[in-house]
Amino acid sequence: MALNKTIVVDRIEVLEMGQIQVRTATVIDEDGIQISRTFHRHVLNPGADLTGQTDRVTGIANATWTAEVLSDWEAFLASLEI
């Protein structure tokens, strides 16, 4: 009887304003049969620090966060300030 724990980024979504939503699945299996799966999500806003992100997430961020997206994000944040 061997238990294995696997953590994998199983979903990456780019939202309307350029945010990247990342879902990580933690899978526990016993002798190849899955007995548990849990999820964690986090969101990266345009221009966020990508330290610790997977190569896939970093690649999508670098492709998505163009100068225009970053400028629009900054303008959006500025519009929230009073």
N, C-alpha and C. Protein backbone atom coordinates (compact mmCIF):
# COMPACT_ATOMS: atom_id res chain seq x y z
N MET A 1 0.86 -1.17 0.00
CA MET A 1 0.00 0.00 0.00
C MET A 1 0.90 1.24 0.00
N ALA A 2 0.88 1.96 -1.10
CA ALA A 2 1.70 3.16 -1.21
C ALA A 2 0.81 4.37 -1.48
N LEU A 3 1.01 5.39 -0.66
CA LEU A 3 0.29 6.65 -0.86
C LEU A 3 1.20 7.61 -1.61
N ASN A 4 0.64 8.30 -2.58
CA ASN A 4 1.37 9.30 -3.34
C ASN A 4 0.60 10.61 -3.33
N LYS A 5 1.36 11.70 -3.23
CA LYS A 5 0.77 13.04 -3.28
C LYS A 5 1.38 13.75 -4.48
N THR A 6 0.52 14.24 -5.36
CA THR A 6 0.95 14.96 -6.55
C THR A 6 0.30 16.33 -6.56
N ILE A 7 1.10 17.35 -6.83
CA ILE A 7 0.57 18.72 -6.94
C ILE A 7 0.85 19.19 -8.37
N VAL A 8 -0.21 19.63 -9.05
CA VAL A 8 -0.08 20.03 -10.45
C VAL A 8 -0.97 21.24 -10.73
N VAL A 9 -0.46 22.15 -11.55
CA VAL A 9 -1.28 23.25 -12.06
C VAL A 9 -2.13 22.64 -13.16
N ASP A 10 -3.45 22.57 -12.93
CA ASP A 10 -4.31 21.89 -13.90
C ASP A 10 -5.22 22.83 -14.68
N ARG A 11 -5.22 24.11 -14.33
CA ARG A 11 -6.04 25.06 -15.09
C ARG A 11 -5.42 26.45 -15.00
N ILE A 12 -5.30 27.10 -16.16
CA ILE A 12 -4.80 28.46 -16.23
C ILE A 12 -5.77 29.23 -17.11
N GLU A 13 -6.33 30.31 -16.57
CA GLU A 13 -7.31 31.10 -17.31
C GLU A 13 -6.87 32.56 -17.33
N VAL A 14 -7.01 33.18 -18.49
CA VAL A 14 -6.74 34.61 -18.62
C VAL A 14 -8.08 35.33 -18.60
N LEU A 15 -8.24 36.26 -17.67
CA LEU A 15 -9.49 36.99 -17.52
C LEU A 15 -9.49 38.26 -18.35
N GLU A 16 -10.62 38.95 -18.39
CA GLU A 16 -10.85 40.09 -19.27
C GLU A 16 -9.80 41.19 -19.15
N MET A 17 -9.39 41.53 -17.94
CA MET A 17 -8.44 42.63 -17.74
C MET A 17 -6.99 42.15 -17.75
N GLY A 18 -6.75 40.89 -18.11
CA GLY A 18 -5.39 40.38 -18.18
C GLY A 18 -4.95 39.61 -16.94
N GLN A 19 -5.82 39.53 -15.94
CA GLN A 19 -5.47 38.74 -14.76
C GLN A 19 -5.35 37.28 -15.18
N ILE A 20 -4.48 36.56 -14.48
CA ILE A 20 -4.31 35.14 -14.75
C ILE A 20 -4.75 34.37 -13.51
N GLN A 21 -5.73 33.52 -13.69
CA GLN A 21 -6.25 32.70 -12.59
C GLN A 21 -5.63 31.31 -12.72
N VAL A 22 -5.00 30.85 -11.65
CA VAL A 22 -4.29 29.58 -11.66
C VAL A 22 -4.96 28.63 -10.67
N ARG A 23 -5.30 27.43 -11.14
CA ARG A 23 -5.85 26.43 -10.24
C ARG A 23 -4.82 25.31 -10.08
N THR A 24 -4.53 24.97 -8.83
CA THR A 24 -3.59 23.90 -8.50
C THR A 24 -4.38 22.76 -7.86
N ALA A 25 -4.15 21.56 -8.36
CA ALA A 25 -4.81 20.38 -7.80
C ALA A 25 -3.80 19.58 -6.98
N THR A 26 -4.23 19.16 -5.80
CA THR A 26 -3.43 18.24 -4.98
C THR A 26 -4.16 16.91 -4.99
N VAL A 27 -3.49 15.89 -5.53
CA VAL A 27 -4.10 14.58 -5.70
C VAL A 27 -3.39 13.58 -4.78
N ILE A 28 -4.19 12.84 -4.02
CA ILE A 28 -3.67 11.76 -3.19
C ILE A 28 -4.18 10.46 -3.80
N ASP A 29 -3.25 9.55 -4.09
CA ASP A 29 -3.67 8.25 -4.59
C ASP A 29 -3.01 7.13 -3.79
N GLU A 30 -3.71 6.02 -3.77
CA GLU A 30 -3.23 4.83 -3.09
C GLU A 30 -3.13 3.72 -4.13
N ASP A 31 -1.91 3.27 -4.39
CA ASP A 31 -1.67 2.21 -5.38
C ASP A 31 -2.32 2.55 -6.72
N GLY A 32 -2.20 3.83 -7.13
CA GLY A 32 -2.71 4.26 -8.43
C GLY A 32 -4.19 4.61 -8.46
N ILE A 33 -4.88 4.46 -7.35
CA ILE A 33 -6.31 4.79 -7.29
C ILE A 33 -6.48 6.09 -6.51
N GLN A 34 -7.06 7.08 -7.17
CA GLN A 34 -7.24 8.39 -6.53
C GLN A 34 -8.21 8.28 -5.37
N ILE A 35 -7.78 8.79 -4.21
CA ILE A 35 -8.67 8.79 -3.04
C ILE A 35 -9.03 10.20 -2.59
N SER A 36 -8.32 11.21 -3.12
CA SER A 36 -8.62 12.59 -2.74
C SER A 36 -8.09 13.54 -3.81
N ARG A 37 -8.84 14.61 -4.03
CA ARG A 37 -8.39 15.70 -4.93
C ARG A 37 -8.93 17.00 -4.35
N THR A 38 -8.04 17.94 -4.09
CA THR A 38 -8.44 19.25 -3.60
C THR A 38 -7.84 20.31 -4.51
N PHE A 39 -8.44 21.50 -4.47
CA PHE A 39 -8.02 22.58 -5.35
C PHE A 39 -7.68 23.84 -4.57
N HIS A 40 -6.76 24.60 -5.12
CA HIS A 40 -6.41 25.92 -4.61
C HIS A 40 -6.32 26.84 -5.82
N ARG A 41 -6.85 28.05 -5.69
CA ARG A 41 -6.78 29.03 -6.78
C ARG A 41 -6.07 30.29 -6.29
N HIS A 42 -5.34 30.89 -7.20
CA HIS A 42 -4.80 32.21 -6.93
C HIS A 42 -4.82 33.01 -8.23
N VAL A 43 -4.84 34.33 -8.09
CA VAL A 43 -4.93 35.22 -9.24
C VAL A 43 -3.69 36.10 -9.27
N LEU A 44 -3.14 36.24 -10.46
CA LEU A 44 -2.00 37.13 -10.69
C LEU A 44 -2.49 38.32 -11.51
N ASN A 45 -2.35 39.50 -10.95
CA ASN A 45 -2.72 40.71 -11.69
C ASN A 45 -1.61 41.09 -12.65
N PRO A 46 -1.93 41.78 -13.75
CA PRO A 46 -0.91 42.17 -14.70
C PRO A 46 0.26 42.88 -14.02
N GLY A 47 1.47 42.44 -14.35
CA GLY A 47 2.67 43.03 -13.78
C GLY A 47 3.11 42.41 -12.46
N ALA A 48 2.38 41.42 -11.98
CA ALA A 48 2.71 40.79 -10.69
C ALA A 48 4.05 40.08 -10.76
N ASP A 49 4.67 39.89 -9.60
CA ASP A 49 5.91 39.14 -9.48
C ASP A 49 5.62 37.68 -9.80
N LEU A 50 6.36 37.09 -10.72
CA LEU A 50 6.12 35.72 -11.15
C LEU A 50 7.04 34.71 -10.47
N THR A 51 7.78 35.15 -9.46
CA THR A 51 8.66 34.25 -8.73
C THR A 51 7.85 33.10 -8.14
N GLY A 52 8.31 31.89 -8.37
CA GLY A 52 7.65 30.72 -7.82
C GLY A 52 6.55 30.13 -8.69
N GLN A 53 6.22 30.80 -9.79
CA GLN A 53 5.21 30.28 -10.70
C GLN A 53 5.83 29.25 -11.63
N THR A 54 5.01 28.37 -12.16
CA THR A 54 5.52 27.36 -13.09
C THR A 54 5.93 28.03 -14.40
N ASP A 55 6.70 27.30 -15.20
CA ASP A 55 7.12 27.82 -16.50
C ASP A 55 5.91 28.11 -17.40
N ARG A 56 4.89 27.28 -17.31
CA ARG A 56 3.69 27.49 -18.12
C ARG A 56 3.00 28.79 -17.74
N VAL A 57 2.84 29.03 -16.44
CA VAL A 57 2.19 30.26 -15.99
C VAL A 57 3.02 31.47 -16.39
N THR A 58 4.32 31.39 -16.20
CA THR A 58 5.22 32.49 -16.56
C THR A 58 5.16 32.77 -18.06
N GLY A 59 5.13 31.72 -18.86
CA GLY A 59 5.05 31.89 -20.32
C GLY A 59 3.76 32.57 -20.74
N ILE A 60 2.65 32.17 -20.14
CA ILE A 60 1.36 32.79 -20.46
C ILE A 60 1.35 34.24 -20.02
N ALA A 61 1.89 34.53 -18.84
CA ALA A 61 1.95 35.91 -18.35
C ALA A 61 2.80 36.77 -19.29
N ASN A 62 3.95 36.27 -19.70
CA ASN A 62 4.82 37.05 -20.58
C ASN A 62 4.18 37.30 -21.93
N ALA A 63 3.39 36.34 -22.41
CA ALA A 63 2.71 36.52 -23.70
C ALA A 63 1.49 37.42 -23.58
N THR A 64 0.84 37.40 -22.43
CA THR A 64 -0.42 38.12 -22.24
C THR A 64 -0.22 39.56 -21.80
N TRP A 65 0.74 39.78 -20.93
CA TRP A 65 0.92 41.10 -20.33
C TRP A 65 1.73 42.00 -21.26
N THR A 66 1.11 42.41 -22.33
CA THR A 66 1.72 43.34 -23.27
C THR A 66 1.76 44.73 -22.65
N ALA A 67 2.45 45.64 -23.31
CA ALA A 67 2.51 47.02 -22.83
C ALA A 67 1.10 47.61 -22.74
N GLU A 68 0.25 47.29 -23.70
CA GLU A 68 -1.13 47.79 -23.69
C GLU A 68 -1.92 47.25 -22.50
N VAL A 69 -1.78 45.95 -22.21
CA VAL A 69 -2.49 45.35 -21.08
C VAL A 69 -2.01 45.97 -19.77
N LEU A 70 -0.70 46.15 -19.63
CA LEU A 70 -0.16 46.76 -18.41
C LEU A 70 -0.64 48.20 -18.25
N SER A 71 -0.68 48.94 -19.35
CA SER A 71 -1.15 50.32 -19.31
C SER A 71 -2.63 50.38 -18.93
N ASP A 72 -3.43 49.51 -19.53
CA ASP A 72 -4.86 49.46 -19.21
C ASP A 72 -5.07 49.08 -17.74
N TRP A 73 -4.26 48.16 -17.22
CA TRP A 73 -4.38 47.75 -15.82
C TRP A 73 -4.06 48.92 -14.89
N GLU A 74 -2.99 49.65 -15.21
CA GLU A 74 -2.62 50.81 -14.40
C GLU A 74 -3.71 51.87 -14.43
N ALA A 75 -4.31 52.08 -15.60
CA ALA A 75 -5.41 53.05 -15.72
C ALA A 75 -6.61 52.59 -14.91
N PHE A 76 -6.89 51.29 -14.92
CA PHE A 76 -7.98 50.76 -14.11
C PHE A 76 -7.73 50.98 -12.64
N LEU A 77 -6.51 50.70 -12.17
CA LEU A 77 -6.19 50.91 -10.76
C LEU A 77 -6.29 52.39 -10.38
N ALA A 78 -5.84 53.26 -11.28
CA ALA A 78 -5.91 54.70 -11.03
C ALA A 78 -7.37 55.17 -10.93
N SER A 79 -8.25 54.54 -11.70
CA SER A 79 -9.66 54.95 -11.66
C SER A 79 -10.32 54.56 -10.33
N LEU A 80 -9.73 53.65 -9.61
CA LEU A 80 -10.28 53.23 -8.31
C LEU A 80 -9.86 54.14 -7.17
N GLU A 81 -8.80 54.93 -7.39
CA GLU A 81 -8.32 55.83 -6.35
C GLU A 81 -9.22 57.05 -6.23
N ILE A 82 -9.41 57.46 -5.01
CA ILE A 82 -10.28 58.62 -4.76
C ILE A 82 -9.43 59.77 -4.28
